[in-house]
C-alpha atoms as a PDB file:
ATOM      1  CA  MET A   1     -13.075   7.356 -13.041  1.00  0.00           C
ATOM      2  CA  VAL A   2     -11.036  10.342 -11.866  1.00  0.00           C
ATOM      3  CA  LYS A   3      -9.432  12.813 -14.339  1.00  0.00           C
ATOM      4  CA  LEU A   4      -5.518  13.492 -14.791  1.00  0.00           C
ATOM      5  CA  ASP A   5      -6.295  16.810 -13.766  1.00  0.00           C
ATOM      6  CA  LEU A   6      -7.706  16.123 -10.616  1.00  0.00           C
ATOM      7  CA  ILE A   7      -4.935  14.211  -9.432  1.00  0.00           C
ATOM      8  CA  THR A   8      -1.869  16.021 -10.356  1.00  0.00           C
ATOM      9  CA  LYS A   9      -3.879  19.188  -8.651  1.00  0.00           C
ATOM     10  CA  ASN A  10      -4.281  16.456  -5.394  1.00  0.00           C
ATOM     11  CA  ASN A  11      -1.024  15.148  -6.038  1.00  0.00           C
ATOM     12  CA  LYS A  12       0.101  17.288  -3.130  1.00  0.00           C
ATOM     13  CA  GLU A  13       3.838  17.069  -1.902  1.00  0.00           C
ATOM     14  CA  ASN A  14       3.807  15.050   1.087  1.00  0.00           C
ATOM     15  CA  ASP A  15       2.027  12.514  -0.676  1.00  0.00           C
ATOM     16  CA  GLU A  16       5.175  11.472  -1.592  1.00  0.00           C
ATOM     17  CA  TYR A  17       6.850   9.565   0.853  1.00  0.00           C
ATOM     18  CA  TYR A  18       8.535   6.027   0.934  1.00  0.00           C
ATOM     19  CA  THR A  19       8.050   2.869   2.329  1.00  0.00           C
ATOM     20  CA  PRO A  20      11.181   1.908   4.543  1.00  0.00           C
ATOM     21  CA  LYS A  21      11.496  -1.927   3.672  1.00  0.00           C
ATOM     22  CA  TYR A  22      10.685  -2.908   7.570  1.00  0.00           C
ATOM     23  CA  ALA A  23       6.881  -2.016   6.798  1.00  0.00           C
ATOM     24  CA  ILE A  24       6.799  -4.196   3.900  1.00  0.00           C
ATOM     25  CA  CYS A  25       8.444  -7.415   5.549  1.00  0.00           C
ATOM     26  CA  PRO A  26       5.325  -8.631   7.293  1.00  0.00           C
ATOM     27  CA  LEU A  27       3.150  -8.665   4.110  1.00  0.00           C
ATOM     28  CA  LEU A  28       5.541 -10.773   2.156  1.00  0.00           C
ATOM     29  CA  LYS A  29       4.296 -13.730   4.323  1.00  0.00           C
ATOM     30  CA  TYR A  30       0.719 -13.798   2.490  1.00  0.00           C
ATOM     31  CA  ILE A  31       1.573 -12.837  -0.775  1.00  0.00           C
ATOM     32  CA  LYS A  32       1.979 -16.084  -3.124  1.00  0.00           C
ATOM     33  CA  LYS A  33       5.472 -16.306  -5.046  1.00  0.00           C
ATOM     34  CA  GLY A  34       5.090 -16.601  -8.629  1.00  0.00           C
ATOM     35  CA  THR A  35       2.300 -13.686  -8.539  1.00  0.00           C
ATOM     36  CA  THR A  36       2.260 -11.184 -10.603  1.00  0.00           C
ATOM     37  CA  ILE A  37       1.088  -7.721  -8.407  1.00  0.00           C
ATOM     38  CA  TRP A  38       1.088  -4.430  -9.642  1.00  0.00           C
ATOM     39  CA  CYS A  39       2.621  -1.568  -7.682  1.00  0.00           C
ATOM     40  CA  PRO A  40       0.675   2.011  -9.029  1.00  0.00           C
ATOM     41  CA  PHE A  41       2.554   4.186  -7.088  1.00  0.00           C
ATOM     42  CA  ASP A  42       5.434   3.103  -7.548  1.00  0.00           C
ATOM     43  CA  ILE A  43       8.479   3.629  -9.303  1.00  0.00           C
ATOM     44  CA  GLU A  44      11.544   1.039  -9.695  1.00  0.00           C
ATOM     45  CA  GLU A  45      13.454   1.842  -6.802  1.00  0.00           C
ATOM     46  CA  SER A  46      10.271   1.428  -4.622  1.00  0.00           C
ATOM     47  CA  ASN A  47      11.258  -0.686  -1.996  1.00  0.00           C
ATOM     48  CA  PHE A  48       7.427  -2.471  -2.539  1.00  0.00           C
ATOM     49  CA  VAL A  49       9.451  -3.041  -6.039  1.00  0.00           C
ATOM     50  CA  LYS A  50      12.371  -4.870  -4.683  1.00  0.00           C
ATOM     51  CA  LEU A  51      11.125  -7.106  -1.905  1.00  0.00           C
ATOM     52  CA  LEU A  52       8.399  -8.457  -4.233  1.00  0.00           C
ATOM     53  CA  LYS A  53      10.540  -9.180  -6.426  1.00  0.00           C
ATOM     54  CA  GLU A  54      13.037 -10.955  -3.892  1.00  0.00           C
ATOM     55  CA  HIS A  55      10.234 -12.973  -2.401  1.00  0.00           C
ATOM     56  CA  GLY A  56      10.025 -14.158  -6.634  1.00  0.00           C
ATOM     57  CA  CYS A  57       7.173 -12.508  -7.602  1.00  0.00           C
ATOM     58  CA  LYS A  58       6.342 -10.730 -11.065  1.00  0.00           C
ATOM     59  CA  VAL A  59       5.895  -6.715 -10.322  1.00  0.00           C
ATOM     60  CA  LEU A  60       4.704  -3.911 -12.650  1.00  0.00           C
ATOM     61  CA  PHE A  61       5.539  -0.933 -11.130  1.00  0.00           C
ATOM     62  CA  THR A  62       3.886   2.372 -12.969  1.00  0.00           C
ATOM     63  CA  HIS A  63       3.679   6.194 -11.990  1.00  0.00           C
ATOM     64  CA  LEU A  64       2.161   9.053 -13.027  1.00  0.00           C
ATOM     65  CA  SER A  65       5.182  10.319 -13.069  1.00  0.00           C
ATOM     66  CA  PHE A  66       5.809   8.003 -15.930  1.00  0.00           C
ATOM     67  CA  GLY A  67       1.670   9.202 -17.187  1.00  0.00           C
ATOM     68  CA  GLN A  68       0.569   6.659 -15.489  1.00  0.00           C
ATOM     69  CA  ASP A  69      -2.763   7.704 -13.991  1.00  0.00           C
ATOM     70  CA  PHE A  70      -3.583   4.756 -11.770  1.00  0.00           C
ATOM     71  CA  PHE A  71      -7.445   6.201 -11.770  1.00  0.00           C
ATOM     72  CA  ASN A  72      -6.578   6.161 -15.724  1.00  0.00           C
ATOM     73  CA  TYR A  73      -4.328   3.116 -16.512  1.00  0.00           C
ATOM     74  CA  PHE A  74      -4.480  -0.542 -15.622  1.00  0.00           C
ATOM     75  CA  PRO A  75      -1.928  -2.934 -17.004  1.00  0.00           C
ATOM     76  CA  GLU A  76      -2.849  -5.212 -20.046  1.00  0.00           C
ATOM     77  CA  GLU A  77      -1.239  -8.073 -18.288  1.00  0.00           C
ATOM     78  CA  LYS A  78      -3.704 -10.570 -15.667  1.00  0.00           C
ATOM     79  CA  ILE A  79      -2.461  -8.769 -12.278  1.00  0.00           C
ATOM     80  CA  ASP A  80      -2.837 -10.957  -8.659  1.00  0.00           C
ATOM     81  CA  TYR A  81      -2.950  -8.451  -6.327  1.00  0.00           C
ATOM     82  CA  ILE A  82      -2.510  -4.994  -6.158  1.00  0.00           C
ATOM     83  CA  ILE A  83       0.048  -3.722  -3.141  1.00  0.00           C
ATOM     84  CA  SER A  84       1.392  -0.064  -2.417  1.00  0.00           C
ATOM     85  CA  ASN A  85       1.092   2.810  -0.259  1.00  0.00           C
ATOM     86  CA  PRO A  86      -1.238   5.627  -2.084  1.00  0.00           C
ATOM     87  CA  PRO A  87      -1.097   9.232  -1.954  1.00  0.00           C
ATOM     88  CA  TYR A  88      -2.414  10.608   1.720  1.00  0.00           C
ATOM     89  CA  SER A  89      -4.894  13.348  -0.156  1.00  0.00           C
ATOM     90  CA  LEU A  90      -6.416  10.461  -2.398  1.00  0.00           C
ATOM     91  CA  LYS A  91      -6.599   7.435  -0.258  1.00  0.00           C
ATOM     92  CA  SER A  92     -10.721   7.868  -0.251  1.00  0.00           C
ATOM     93  CA  GLU A  93     -10.521   7.654  -4.157  1.00  0.00           C
ATOM     94  CA  VAL A  94      -7.808   4.813  -4.390  1.00  0.00           C
ATOM     95  CA  LEU A  95      -9.541   2.607  -2.338  1.00  0.00           C
ATOM     96  CA  LYS A  96     -12.477   2.707  -4.715  1.00  0.00           C
ATOM     97  CA  ARG A  97     -10.928   2.197  -6.949  1.00  0.00           C
ATOM     98  CA  LEU A  98      -9.616  -1.425  -5.764  1.00  0.00           C
ATOM     99  CA  PHE A  99     -12.481  -2.613  -4.339  1.00  0.00           C
ATOM    100  CA  GLU A 100     -14.353  -1.729  -7.886  1.00  0.00           C
ATOM    101  CA  LEU A 101     -11.408  -3.811  -9.514  1.00  0.00           C
ATOM    102  CA  LYS A 102     -12.378  -6.768  -7.288  1.00  0.00           C
ATOM    103  CA  ILE A 103      -8.273  -8.126  -7.588  1.00  0.00           C
ATOM    104  CA  PRO A 104      -6.912  -8.855  -3.910  1.00  0.00           C
ATOM    105  CA  PHE A 105      -5.226  -5.872  -2.482  1.00  0.00           C
ATOM    106  CA  ALA A 106      -2.755  -4.351  -0.122  1.00  0.00           C
ATOM    107  CA  MET A 107      -2.608  -0.593   0.806  1.00  0.00           C
ATOM    108  CA  LEU A 108      -0.567   1.103   3.750  1.00  0.00           C
ATOM    109  CA  VAL A 109      -2.400   3.798   5.031  1.00  0.00           C
ATOM    110  CA  GLY A 110      -3.015   6.030   7.904  1.00  0.00           C
ATOM    111  CA  VAL A 111      -5.330   4.595  10.509  1.00  0.00           C
ATOM    112  CA  VAL A 112      -6.267   8.121  11.813  1.00  0.00           C
ATOM    113  CA  GLY A 113      -9.857   9.322  10.715  1.00  0.00           C
ATOM    114  CA  LEU A 114      -9.677   5.867   8.294  1.00  0.00           C
ATOM    115  CA  PHE A 115     -13.641   5.159   8.963  1.00  0.00           C
ATOM    116  CA  GLU A 116     -14.753   8.422  10.353  1.00  0.00           C
ATOM    117  CA  SER A 117     -15.977  10.158   6.733  1.00  0.00           C
ATOM    118  CA  ASN A 118     -19.388   8.971   5.828  1.00  0.00           C
ATOM    119  CA  LYS A 119     -17.999   7.553   2.564  1.00  0.00           C
ATOM    120  CA  ARG A 120     -15.259   5.875   3.771  1.00  0.00           C
ATOM    121  CA  PHE A 121     -17.300   4.421   6.477  1.00  0.00           C
ATOM    122  CA  SER A 122     -20.511   3.182   4.119  1.00  0.00           C
ATOM    123  CA  MET A 123     -17.451   2.149   1.435  1.00  0.00           C
ATOM    124  CA  PHE A 124     -15.528  -0.071   4.386  1.00  0.00           C
ATOM    125  CA  LYS A 125     -19.037  -1.022   5.353  1.00  0.00           C
ATOM    126  CA  GLU A 126     -20.536  -2.531   1.735  1.00  0.00           C
ATOM    127  CA  ASN A 127     -17.035  -4.460   1.221  1.00  0.00           C
ATOM    128  CA  ASN A 128     -14.974  -7.544   2.665  1.00  0.00           C
ATOM    129  CA  PHE A 129     -11.901  -5.984   3.894  1.00  0.00           C
ATOM    130  CA  GLU A 130      -8.979  -6.911   6.318  1.00  0.00           C
ATOM    131  CA  ILE A 131      -6.989  -4.970   8.127  1.00  0.00           C
ATOM    132  CA  MET A 132      -3.011  -5.647   9.430  1.00  0.00           C
ATOM    133  CA  TYR A 133      -2.075  -3.957  12.509  1.00  0.00           C
ATOM    134  CA  PHE A 134       1.466  -3.376  13.762  1.00  0.00           C
ATOM    135  CA  ASP A 135       3.059  -2.694  17.177  1.00  0.00           C
ATOM    136  CA  LYS A 136       4.646   0.179  16.182  1.00  0.00           C
ATOM    137  CA  ARG A 137       4.593   3.176  13.784  1.00  0.00           C
ATOM    138  CA  ILE A 138       6.967   3.344  10.168  1.00  0.00           C
ATOM    139  CA  ALA A 139       9.123   6.020   9.817  1.00  0.00           C
ATOM    140  CA  TYR A 140       9.157   6.812   6.286  1.00  0.00           C
ATOM    141  CA  PHE A 141      11.528   8.491   4.245  1.00  0.00           C
ATOM    142  CA  LYS A 142      11.761  10.973   1.120  1.00  0.00           C
ATOM    143  CA  ASP A 143      15.538   9.600  -0.858  1.00  0.00           C
ATOM    144  CA  PHE A 144      15.599   6.099  -2.067  1.00  0.00           C
ATOM    145  CA  LYS A 145      19.592   6.759  -1.749  1.00  0.00           C
ATOM    146  CA  GLU A 146      19.657   7.532   1.778  1.00  0.00           C
ATOM    147  CA  GLN A 147      16.587   6.396   2.692  1.00  0.00           C
ATOM    148  CA  LYS A 148      17.054   8.092   6.300  1.00  0.00           C
ATOM    149  CA  PRO A 149      13.059   8.781   7.878  1.00  0.00           C
ATOM    150  CA  SER A 150      12.147  12.098   7.427  1.00  0.00           C
ATOM    151  CA  LEU A 151       8.657  11.119   8.620  1.00  0.00           C
ATOM    152  CA  ASN A 152       7.560   9.240  12.019  1.00  0.00           C
ATOM    153  CA  PRO A 153       4.564  10.535  11.697  1.00  0.00           C
ATOM    154  CA  PRO A 154       1.730  11.018  14.800  1.00  0.00           C
ATOM    155  CA  PHE A 155      -0.516   8.460  13.566  1.00  0.00           C
ATOM    156  CA  SER A 156      -0.019   4.477  12.667  1.00  0.00           C
ATOM    157  CA  SER A 157       0.107   3.452   9.685  1.00  0.00           C
ATOM    158  CA  VAL A 158      -2.330  -0.183   8.339  1.00  0.00           C
ATOM    159  CA  TYR A 159      -2.280  -2.325   5.927  1.00  0.00           C
ATOM    160  CA  ILE A 160      -6.233  -2.023   4.225  1.00  0.00           C
ATOM    161  CA  CYS A 161      -6.230  -5.597   2.181  1.00  0.00           C
ATOM    162  CA  SER A 162      -9.126  -7.762   0.526  1.00  0.00           C
ATOM    163  CA  ASN A 163      -8.764 -11.131   0.229  1.00  0.00           C
ATOM    164  CA  VAL A 164      -5.059 -11.378   1.068  1.00  0.00           C
ATOM    165  CA  LEU A 165      -4.971 -11.865   4.614  1.00  0.00           C
ATOM    166  CA  PRO A 166      -6.495 -14.974   6.696  1.00  0.00           C
ATOM    167  CA  LYS A 167      -8.733 -13.518   8.836  1.00  0.00           C
ATOM    168  CA  THR A 168     -10.027  -9.912   9.351  1.00  0.00           C
ATOM    169  CA  TYR A 169      -7.012  -8.502  11.196  1.00  0.00           C
ATOM    170  CA  CYS A 170      -3.025  -9.619  12.004  1.00  0.00           C
ATOM    171  CA  PHE A 171      -1.061  -8.401  14.310  1.00  0.00           C
ATOM    172  CA  GLU A 172       2.748  -8.428  13.349  1.00  0.00           C
ATOM    173  CA  GLU A 173       5.617  -7.178  14.847  1.00  0.00           C
ATOM    174  CA  LEU A 174       7.996  -4.479  12.982  1.00  0.00           C
ATOM    175  CA  ASN A 175      11.304  -5.325  13.557  1.00  0.00           C
ATOM    176  CA  THR A 176      13.117  -1.868  12.308  1.00  0.00           C
ATOM    177  CA  ASN A 177      16.423  -3.251  13.187  1.00  0.00           C
ATOM    178  CA  GLY A 178      16.560  -5.819   9.997  1.00  0.00           C
ATOM    179  CA  GLY A 179      16.775 -10.083  10.909  1.00  0.00           C
ATOM    180  CA  LYS A 180      13.792 -12.120  11.603  1.00  0.00           C
ATOM    181  CA  PHE A 181       9.784 -10.707  11.375  1.00  0.00           C
ATOM    182  CA  PHE A 182       7.331 -12.745  13.644  1.00  0.00           C
ATOM    183  CA  SER A 183       3.877 -12.746  13.278  1.00  0.00           C
ATOM    184  CA  SER A 184       0.884 -12.881  16.171  1.00  0.00           C
ATOM    185  CA  GLN A 185      -2.015 -14.094  14.909  1.00  0.00           C
ATOM    186  CA  PRO A 186      -5.425 -13.758  16.834  1.00  0.00           C
END
């Protein structure tokens, strides 16, 4: 277990960027309606929380700012999926815990260097997982009221999943202008 003081120390300001709706919509077709989803890095205003509820799921959201540390907290209810955009600086620790929990998950993470640390390389080698790739980069934001892109990272983002996608890899098109989302599967 990772202690709360480690989380607080590592929770850097640039870890708190929010996900636009268009980056969540492609995932929805793989999530069963009526399931219970834990969003462990989210608040009520989160687009993950809103869209998953609209999709017909029961959503439990927790956040460190509420004293709910992902590494030391687990909801009492049965969880079908864990879905979120974890803190960038803690992605290794988050993925390690997710694989240990053995609950289907989907985490939106930056792909640069994802497999380049020995620890993460071994973790991925030892666990079954899937990846959802996108046709363009995701522009994250810092303010739920305006949701103006404030970070267009110089790297691509992917969903790292376990027991969510039908294949080891899926390719999805992001529709940043709204409207219908299309899928192209291998």
